[in-house]
Amino acid sequence: MDGVPGSFGTAASLSLRLGQAFFSIASLLFMSVGVEFYGYTAFCFLVTIMGLLIPWSATLAIVDVYSIFVSCRLRLPGVMVIVVLGDWSLSLLSLAAACATAGVVDLLVHINDSYCPPKYCGRYQISAAMAFLSWVLTAASFLFNLWQVASL
């Protein structure tokens, strides 16, 4: 099956990877720059997972660029299975981190103003939103690549 949009080595895959990297970097920056995130385990978990997702997405984006310029798609089943498993695990972890962060932020907002100053709460919320957007793109990439593996 040649025409799976978003499968590994296509321009759509490159745009998914760049979006993943962009939203992961944004989430990481909103969470960690100028904010004391290390007091909550969920925030540390988000920073760790976004720190894993950035090099994964960047590496696969580089491979996508190479595949596009050479006009040769990688159809090796072993490589595709590794990509699918990596996308699947990082998709689940990023969803868990985004949900945990959103839950803690919601709790901090509704408990009392002393736990979360408005400046910090806004940044935490934006970071969780960026993590959710990164998860959506990672899940889409996983599904497209799983479809490609199933068609091999």
N, C-alpha and C. Protein backbone atom coordinates (compact mmCIF):
# COMPACT_ATOMS: atom_id res chain seq x y z
N MET A 1 0.86 -1.18 0.00
CA MET A 1 0.00 0.00 0.00
C MET A 1 0.90 1.23 0.00
N ASP A 2 0.83 1.98 -1.07
CA ASP A 2 1.71 3.12 -1.21
C ASP A 2 1.17 4.40 -0.61
N GLY A 3 -0.12 4.56 -0.57
CA GLY A 3 -0.68 5.86 -0.26
C GLY A 3 -1.17 6.07 1.16
N VAL A 4 -0.50 5.54 2.16
CA VAL A 4 -0.92 5.79 3.53
C VAL A 4 -0.42 7.17 3.94
N PRO A 5 -1.32 8.12 4.08
CA PRO A 5 -0.87 9.47 4.44
C PRO A 5 -0.36 9.51 5.87
N GLY A 6 0.76 10.13 6.06
CA GLY A 6 1.31 10.25 7.41
C GLY A 6 2.19 9.11 7.81
N SER A 7 2.38 8.13 6.93
CA SER A 7 3.26 7.02 7.29
C SER A 7 4.71 7.47 7.19
N PHE A 8 5.57 6.72 7.80
CA PHE A 8 6.98 7.05 7.94
C PHE A 8 7.62 7.29 6.58
N GLY A 9 8.30 8.42 6.43
CA GLY A 9 9.00 8.74 5.20
C GLY A 9 8.23 9.62 4.24
N THR A 10 7.11 10.17 4.66
CA THR A 10 6.31 11.05 3.80
C THR A 10 6.33 12.48 4.33
N ALA A 11 5.85 13.39 3.51
CA ALA A 11 5.80 14.80 3.92
C ALA A 11 4.80 14.99 5.06
N ALA A 12 3.72 14.22 5.05
CA ALA A 12 2.75 14.32 6.15
C ALA A 12 3.37 13.83 7.46
N SER A 13 4.18 12.80 7.38
CA SER A 13 4.88 12.32 8.57
C SER A 13 5.85 13.38 9.09
N LEU A 14 6.52 14.05 8.17
CA LEU A 14 7.43 15.12 8.57
C LEU A 14 6.67 16.23 9.29
N SER A 15 5.51 16.61 8.79
CA SER A 15 4.74 17.66 9.46
C SER A 15 4.24 17.20 10.83
N LEU A 16 3.85 15.93 10.95
CA LEU A 16 3.47 15.40 12.26
C LEU A 16 4.65 15.44 13.23
N ARG A 17 5.81 15.05 12.77
CA ARG A 17 7.01 15.03 13.64
C ARG A 17 7.41 16.44 14.06
N LEU A 18 7.36 17.37 13.12
CA LEU A 18 7.71 18.74 13.48
C LEU A 18 6.70 19.33 14.46
N GLY A 19 5.43 19.01 14.29
CA GLY A 19 4.42 19.46 15.24
C GLY A 19 4.63 18.85 16.62
N GLN A 20 4.96 17.56 16.66
CA GLN A 20 5.25 16.91 17.94
C GLN A 20 6.40 17.60 18.64
N ALA A 21 7.47 17.84 17.89
CA ALA A 21 8.64 18.48 18.49
C ALA A 21 8.32 19.90 18.95
N PHE A 22 7.57 20.65 18.14
CA PHE A 22 7.23 22.02 18.50
C PHE A 22 6.40 22.07 19.78
N PHE A 23 5.33 21.27 19.84
CA PHE A 23 4.46 21.30 21.02
C PHE A 23 5.16 20.73 22.26
N SER A 24 6.04 19.77 22.06
CA SER A 24 6.80 19.23 23.20
C SER A 24 7.77 20.27 23.74
N ILE A 25 8.44 20.97 22.85
CA ILE A 25 9.36 22.02 23.29
C ILE A 25 8.59 23.13 24.00
N ALA A 26 7.44 23.52 23.44
CA ALA A 26 6.63 24.56 24.07
C ALA A 26 6.17 24.12 25.45
N SER A 27 5.71 22.88 25.57
CA SER A 27 5.27 22.38 26.88
C SER A 27 6.42 22.37 27.88
N LEU A 28 7.57 21.92 27.43
CA LEU A 28 8.74 21.87 28.31
C LEU A 28 9.16 23.27 28.74
N LEU A 29 9.17 24.21 27.82
CA LEU A 29 9.58 25.57 28.17
C LEU A 29 8.58 26.24 29.11
N PHE A 30 7.28 26.10 28.84
CA PHE A 30 6.29 26.71 29.73
C PHE A 30 6.34 26.10 31.13
N MET A 31 6.70 24.83 31.22
CA MET A 31 6.73 24.19 32.53
C MET A 31 8.02 24.50 33.30
N SER A 32 9.12 24.61 32.61
CA SER A 32 10.38 24.63 33.35
C SER A 32 11.10 25.97 33.41
N VAL A 33 10.82 26.92 32.54
CA VAL A 33 11.55 28.18 32.54
C VAL A 33 10.90 29.15 33.52
N GLY A 34 11.59 29.49 34.56
CA GLY A 34 11.12 30.48 35.52
C GLY A 34 10.04 30.00 36.45
N VAL A 35 9.77 28.71 36.46
CA VAL A 35 8.70 28.16 37.29
C VAL A 35 9.29 27.04 38.13
N GLU A 36 8.85 26.95 39.36
CA GLU A 36 9.35 25.89 40.25
C GLU A 36 8.46 24.67 40.12
N PHE A 37 8.69 23.89 39.07
CA PHE A 37 7.84 22.73 38.79
C PHE A 37 8.21 21.50 39.62
N TYR A 38 9.40 21.44 40.15
CA TYR A 38 9.92 20.23 40.79
C TYR A 38 9.24 19.89 42.11
N GLY A 39 8.33 20.69 42.58
CA GLY A 39 7.61 20.40 43.82
C GLY A 39 6.48 19.40 43.64
N TYR A 40 6.12 19.10 42.40
CA TYR A 40 5.01 18.20 42.12
C TYR A 40 5.49 17.09 41.19
N THR A 41 5.17 15.86 41.53
CA THR A 41 5.63 14.71 40.76
C THR A 41 5.05 14.71 39.35
N ALA A 42 3.81 15.11 39.19
CA ALA A 42 3.19 15.13 37.87
C ALA A 42 3.92 16.10 36.93
N PHE A 43 4.38 17.21 37.46
CA PHE A 43 5.10 18.17 36.63
C PHE A 43 6.47 17.62 36.24
N CYS A 44 7.13 16.94 37.16
CA CYS A 44 8.41 16.31 36.84
C CYS A 44 8.23 15.22 35.79
N PHE A 45 7.13 14.47 35.89
CA PHE A 45 6.82 13.43 34.92
C PHE A 45 6.61 14.04 33.54
N LEU A 46 5.90 15.16 33.47
CA LEU A 46 5.67 15.84 32.19
C LEU A 46 6.98 16.30 31.58
N VAL A 47 7.84 16.88 32.39
CA VAL A 47 9.13 17.36 31.89
C VAL A 47 9.96 16.18 31.37
N THR A 48 9.94 15.07 32.08
CA THR A 48 10.70 13.90 31.65
C THR A 48 10.18 13.35 30.32
N ILE A 49 8.88 13.20 30.20
CA ILE A 49 8.31 12.64 28.98
C ILE A 49 8.50 13.59 27.80
N MET A 50 8.31 14.88 28.01
CA MET A 50 8.54 15.81 26.91
C MET A 50 10.02 15.83 26.52
N GLY A 51 10.89 15.63 27.51
CA GLY A 51 12.32 15.52 27.23
C GLY A 51 12.66 14.27 26.43
N LEU A 52 11.88 13.23 26.54
CA LEU A 52 12.07 12.02 25.73
C LEU A 52 11.45 12.17 24.34
N LEU A 53 10.33 12.85 24.28
CA LEU A 53 9.60 12.99 23.02
C LEU A 53 10.32 13.91 22.03
N ILE A 54 11.03 14.90 22.52
CA ILE A 54 11.71 15.84 21.63
C ILE A 54 12.78 15.15 20.78
N PRO A 55 13.74 14.40 21.37
CA PRO A 55 14.73 13.75 20.51
C PRO A 55 14.14 12.66 19.62
N TRP A 56 13.11 11.97 20.09
CA TRP A 56 12.45 10.95 19.27
C TRP A 56 11.85 11.59 18.03
N SER A 57 11.10 12.65 18.21
CA SER A 57 10.46 13.32 17.08
C SER A 57 11.48 13.97 16.16
N ALA A 58 12.50 14.57 16.73
CA ALA A 58 13.52 15.24 15.91
C ALA A 58 14.29 14.22 15.08
N THR A 59 14.62 13.08 15.66
CA THR A 59 15.36 12.05 14.93
C THR A 59 14.53 11.50 13.78
N LEU A 60 13.27 11.21 14.04
CA LEU A 60 12.42 10.69 12.98
C LEU A 60 12.09 11.76 11.94
N ALA A 61 12.08 13.02 12.33
CA ALA A 61 11.90 14.10 11.34
C ALA A 61 13.10 14.17 10.41
N ILE A 62 14.29 13.97 10.95
CA ILE A 62 15.50 13.96 10.11
C ILE A 62 15.45 12.80 9.12
N VAL A 63 15.01 11.64 9.58
CA VAL A 63 14.87 10.49 8.68
C VAL A 63 13.80 10.76 7.63
N ASP A 64 12.71 11.42 8.02
CA ASP A 64 11.67 11.79 7.05
C ASP A 64 12.22 12.74 5.99
N VAL A 65 13.00 13.72 6.41
CA VAL A 65 13.60 14.66 5.45
C VAL A 65 14.50 13.91 4.48
N TYR A 66 15.31 13.01 5.00
CA TYR A 66 16.18 12.21 4.15
C TYR A 66 15.36 11.37 3.17
N SER A 67 14.31 10.75 3.64
CA SER A 67 13.47 9.92 2.77
C SER A 67 12.78 10.75 1.69
N ILE A 68 12.40 11.95 2.02
CA ILE A 68 11.74 12.82 1.04
C ILE A 68 12.73 13.27 -0.02
N PHE A 69 13.94 13.67 0.39
CA PHE A 69 14.92 14.15 -0.58
C PHE A 69 15.47 13.03 -1.46
N VAL A 70 15.61 11.86 -0.92
CA VAL A 70 16.12 10.74 -1.69
C VAL A 70 15.00 10.05 -2.49
N SER A 71 13.76 10.33 -2.13
CA SER A 71 12.57 9.72 -2.74
C SER A 71 12.56 8.21 -2.58
N CYS A 72 12.96 7.77 -1.40
CA CYS A 72 12.98 6.34 -1.10
C CYS A 72 12.38 6.16 0.29
N ARG A 73 11.18 5.56 0.32
CA ARG A 73 10.53 5.35 1.61
C ARG A 73 11.07 4.10 2.27
N LEU A 74 11.24 4.15 3.56
CA LEU A 74 11.73 3.01 4.32
C LEU A 74 10.58 2.05 4.57
N ARG A 75 10.69 0.87 4.01
CA ARG A 75 9.64 -0.12 4.17
C ARG A 75 10.14 -1.38 4.86
N LEU A 76 11.18 -1.26 5.61
CA LEU A 76 11.70 -2.41 6.33
C LEU A 76 10.79 -2.71 7.51
N PRO A 77 10.27 -3.93 7.59
CA PRO A 77 9.32 -4.25 8.67
C PRO A 77 9.91 -4.05 10.06
N GLY A 78 11.17 -4.39 10.25
CA GLY A 78 11.79 -4.22 11.57
C GLY A 78 11.86 -2.76 12.00
N VAL A 79 12.23 -1.89 11.08
CA VAL A 79 12.30 -0.46 11.38
C VAL A 79 10.92 0.09 11.66
N MET A 80 9.95 -0.33 10.86
CA MET A 80 8.58 0.16 11.05
C MET A 80 8.00 -0.29 12.40
N VAL A 81 8.32 -1.50 12.81
CA VAL A 81 7.83 -1.99 14.10
C VAL A 81 8.44 -1.18 15.23
N ILE A 82 9.73 -0.85 15.13
CA ILE A 82 10.38 -0.02 16.16
C ILE A 82 9.73 1.36 16.22
N VAL A 83 9.45 1.94 15.06
CA VAL A 83 8.80 3.26 15.02
C VAL A 83 7.40 3.18 15.64
N VAL A 84 6.66 2.13 15.30
CA VAL A 84 5.30 1.98 15.84
C VAL A 84 5.35 1.79 17.35
N LEU A 85 6.24 0.95 17.84
CA LEU A 85 6.34 0.73 19.28
C LEU A 85 6.79 1.99 20.02
N GLY A 86 7.74 2.72 19.44
CA GLY A 86 8.18 3.97 20.06
C GLY A 86 7.07 5.00 20.10
N ASP A 87 6.34 5.14 18.99
CA ASP A 87 5.22 6.08 18.97
C ASP A 87 4.13 5.67 19.95
N TRP A 88 3.85 4.37 20.01
CA TRP A 88 2.81 3.89 20.92
C TRP A 88 3.17 4.17 22.37
N SER A 89 4.40 3.82 22.76
CA SER A 89 4.78 4.02 24.17
C SER A 89 4.85 5.50 24.52
N LEU A 90 5.42 6.31 23.65
CA LEU A 90 5.50 7.74 23.94
C LEU A 90 4.12 8.40 23.88
N SER A 91 3.24 7.89 23.06
CA SER A 91 1.88 8.42 23.03
C SER A 91 1.16 8.16 24.35
N LEU A 92 1.27 6.94 24.85
CA LEU A 92 0.64 6.63 26.14
C LEU A 92 1.26 7.42 27.28
N LEU A 93 2.57 7.53 27.28
CA LEU A 93 3.24 8.27 28.36
C LEU A 93 2.92 9.76 28.30
N SER A 94 2.87 10.32 27.10
CA SER A 94 2.56 11.76 27.01
C SER A 94 1.11 12.04 27.38
N LEU A 95 0.20 11.11 27.06
CA LEU A 95 -1.19 11.28 27.50
C LEU A 95 -1.27 11.21 29.03
N ALA A 96 -0.56 10.26 29.62
CA ALA A 96 -0.57 10.14 31.08
C ALA A 96 0.02 11.39 31.74
N ALA A 97 1.11 11.89 31.19
CA ALA A 97 1.74 13.08 31.76
C ALA A 97 0.85 14.31 31.61
N ALA A 98 0.21 14.46 30.45
CA ALA A 98 -0.67 15.60 30.23
C ALA A 98 -1.89 15.55 31.15
N CYS A 99 -2.46 14.36 31.32
CA CYS A 99 -3.63 14.22 32.20
C CYS A 99 -3.25 14.47 33.66
N ALA A 100 -2.11 13.93 34.07
CA ALA A 100 -1.68 14.14 35.45
C ALA A 100 -1.41 15.62 35.72
N THR A 101 -0.77 16.27 34.78
CA THR A 101 -0.48 17.70 34.94
C THR A 101 -1.77 18.51 34.97
N ALA A 102 -2.69 18.21 34.08
CA ALA A 102 -3.97 18.94 34.07
C ALA A 102 -4.73 18.72 35.37
N GLY A 103 -4.69 17.51 35.89
CA GLY A 103 -5.37 17.24 37.16
C GLY A 103 -4.76 17.99 38.33
N VAL A 104 -3.44 18.03 38.40
CA VAL A 104 -2.78 18.75 39.49
C VAL A 104 -3.02 20.25 39.37
N VAL A 105 -2.97 20.77 38.14
CA VAL A 105 -3.22 22.20 37.95
C VAL A 105 -4.65 22.55 38.35
N ASP A 106 -5.61 21.71 37.97
CA ASP A 106 -7.00 21.96 38.35
C ASP A 106 -7.16 21.93 39.86
N LEU A 107 -6.50 21.01 40.51
CA LEU A 107 -6.55 20.93 41.97
C LEU A 107 -5.92 22.17 42.61
N LEU A 108 -4.79 22.60 42.08
CA LEU A 108 -4.12 23.79 42.63
C LEU A 108 -4.96 25.05 42.42
N VAL A 109 -5.64 25.13 41.31
CA VAL A 109 -6.45 26.32 41.03
C VAL A 109 -7.65 26.38 41.97
N HIS A 110 -8.25 25.24 42.25
CA HIS A 110 -9.49 25.24 43.03
C HIS A 110 -9.29 25.11 44.54
N ILE A 111 -8.10 24.79 45.00
CA ILE A 111 -7.89 24.66 46.45
C ILE A 111 -7.81 26.04 47.09
N ASN A 112 -6.80 26.79 46.71
CA ASN A 112 -6.57 28.07 47.35
C ASN A 112 -5.59 28.84 46.50
N ASP A 113 -5.63 30.15 46.58
CA ASP A 113 -4.70 30.95 45.79
C ASP A 113 -3.27 30.86 46.30
N SER A 114 -3.07 30.47 47.53
CA SER A 114 -1.72 30.42 48.06
C SER A 114 -0.89 29.29 47.47
N TYR A 115 -1.52 28.24 46.97
CA TYR A 115 -0.77 27.13 46.39
C TYR A 115 -0.27 27.42 44.99
N CYS A 116 -0.99 28.25 44.28
CA CYS A 116 -0.63 28.49 42.88
C CYS A 116 -0.90 29.95 42.52
N PRO A 117 0.14 30.76 42.48
CA PRO A 117 -0.06 32.15 42.04
C PRO A 117 -0.57 32.16 40.59
N PRO A 118 -1.36 33.14 40.23
CA PRO A 118 -1.95 33.18 38.88
C PRO A 118 -0.91 33.12 37.76
N LYS A 119 0.24 33.73 37.98
CA LYS A 119 1.29 33.71 36.96
C LYS A 119 1.74 32.28 36.68
N TYR A 120 1.92 31.50 37.73
CA TYR A 120 2.39 30.12 37.56
C TYR A 120 1.28 29.21 37.06
N CYS A 121 0.08 29.37 37.57
CA CYS A 121 -1.03 28.50 37.15
C CYS A 121 -1.30 28.63 35.66
N GLY A 122 -1.23 29.81 35.14
CA GLY A 122 -1.43 30.01 33.71
C GLY A 122 -0.37 29.28 32.89
N ARG A 123 0.85 29.34 33.35
CA ARG A 123 1.93 28.64 32.63
C ARG A 123 1.76 27.13 32.73
N TYR A 124 1.35 26.64 33.88
CA TYR A 124 1.10 25.20 34.04
C TYR A 124 -0.02 24.75 33.10
N GLN A 125 -1.07 25.56 32.99
CA GLN A 125 -2.20 25.20 32.12
C GLN A 125 -1.79 25.19 30.65
N ILE A 126 -1.01 26.18 30.25
CA ILE A 126 -0.54 26.21 28.87
C ILE A 126 0.37 25.02 28.59
N SER A 127 1.20 24.67 29.55
CA SER A 127 2.09 23.51 29.38
C SER A 127 1.29 22.23 29.22
N ALA A 128 0.24 22.06 30.01
CA ALA A 128 -0.62 20.87 29.88
C ALA A 128 -1.32 20.87 28.53
N ALA A 129 -1.78 22.01 28.07
CA ALA A 129 -2.44 22.08 26.76
C ALA A 129 -1.47 21.72 25.64
N MET A 130 -0.26 22.21 25.71
CA MET A 130 0.74 21.86 24.69
C MET A 130 1.08 20.37 24.73
N ALA A 131 1.09 19.79 25.92
CA ALA A 131 1.34 18.35 26.04
C ALA A 131 0.20 17.55 25.41
N PHE A 132 -1.04 18.01 25.59
CA PHE A 132 -2.17 17.34 24.94
C PHE A 132 -2.08 17.43 23.43
N LEU A 133 -1.69 18.59 22.90
CA LEU A 133 -1.54 18.73 21.46
C LEU A 133 -0.42 17.83 20.93
N SER A 134 0.66 17.74 21.68
CA SER A 134 1.74 16.84 21.30
C SER A 134 1.26 15.39 21.30
N TRP A 135 0.44 15.04 22.28
CA TRP A 135 -0.10 13.68 22.34
C TRP A 135 -0.97 13.38 21.12
N VAL A 136 -1.81 14.32 20.71
CA VAL A 136 -2.68 14.11 19.56
C VAL A 136 -1.85 13.80 18.32
N LEU A 137 -0.79 14.54 18.11
CA LEU A 137 0.05 14.31 16.93
C LEU A 137 0.81 12.99 17.04
N THR A 138 1.25 12.64 18.23
CA THR A 138 1.96 11.37 18.42
C THR A 138 1.02 10.20 18.21
N ALA A 139 -0.20 10.30 18.71
CA ALA A 139 -1.18 9.24 18.51
C ALA A 139 -1.55 9.09 17.04
N ALA A 140 -1.68 10.20 16.34
CA ALA A 140 -1.97 10.14 14.90
C ALA A 140 -0.82 9.47 14.15
N SER A 141 0.39 9.83 14.49
CA SER A 141 1.55 9.21 13.87
C SER A 141 1.59 7.72 14.14
N PHE A 142 1.28 7.33 15.38
CA PHE A 142 1.23 5.91 15.72
C PHE A 142 0.21 5.18 14.88
N LEU A 143 -0.99 5.75 14.74
CA LEU A 143 -2.05 5.08 13.98
C LEU A 143 -1.70 4.96 12.50
N PHE A 144 -1.13 6.00 11.91
CA PHE A 144 -0.74 5.93 10.50
C PHE A 144 0.34 4.88 10.27
N ASN A 145 1.32 4.86 11.16
CA ASN A 145 2.40 3.88 11.00
C ASN A 145 1.93 2.46 11.29
N LEU A 146 1.00 2.30 12.23
CA LEU A 146 0.44 0.98 12.48
C LEU A 146 -0.32 0.48 11.25
N TRP A 147 -1.03 1.39 10.61
CA TRP A 147 -1.73 1.05 9.39
C TRP A 147 -0.73 0.62 8.30
N GLN A 148 0.39 1.32 8.22
CA GLN A 148 1.43 0.97 7.24
C GLN A 148 2.05 -0.39 7.55
N VAL A 149 2.29 -0.68 8.82
CA VAL A 149 2.86 -1.98 9.19
C VAL A 149 1.88 -3.09 8.87
N ALA A 150 0.60 -2.85 9.11
CA ALA A 150 -0.40 -3.86 8.82
C ALA A 150 -0.51 -4.14 7.33
N SER A 151 -0.18 -3.17 6.52
CA SER A 151 -0.30 -3.35 5.07
C SER A 151 0.97 -3.93 4.45
N LEU A 152 2.05 -4.08 5.21
CA LEU A 152 3.30 -4.63 4.65
C LEU A 152 3.19 -6.11 4.39
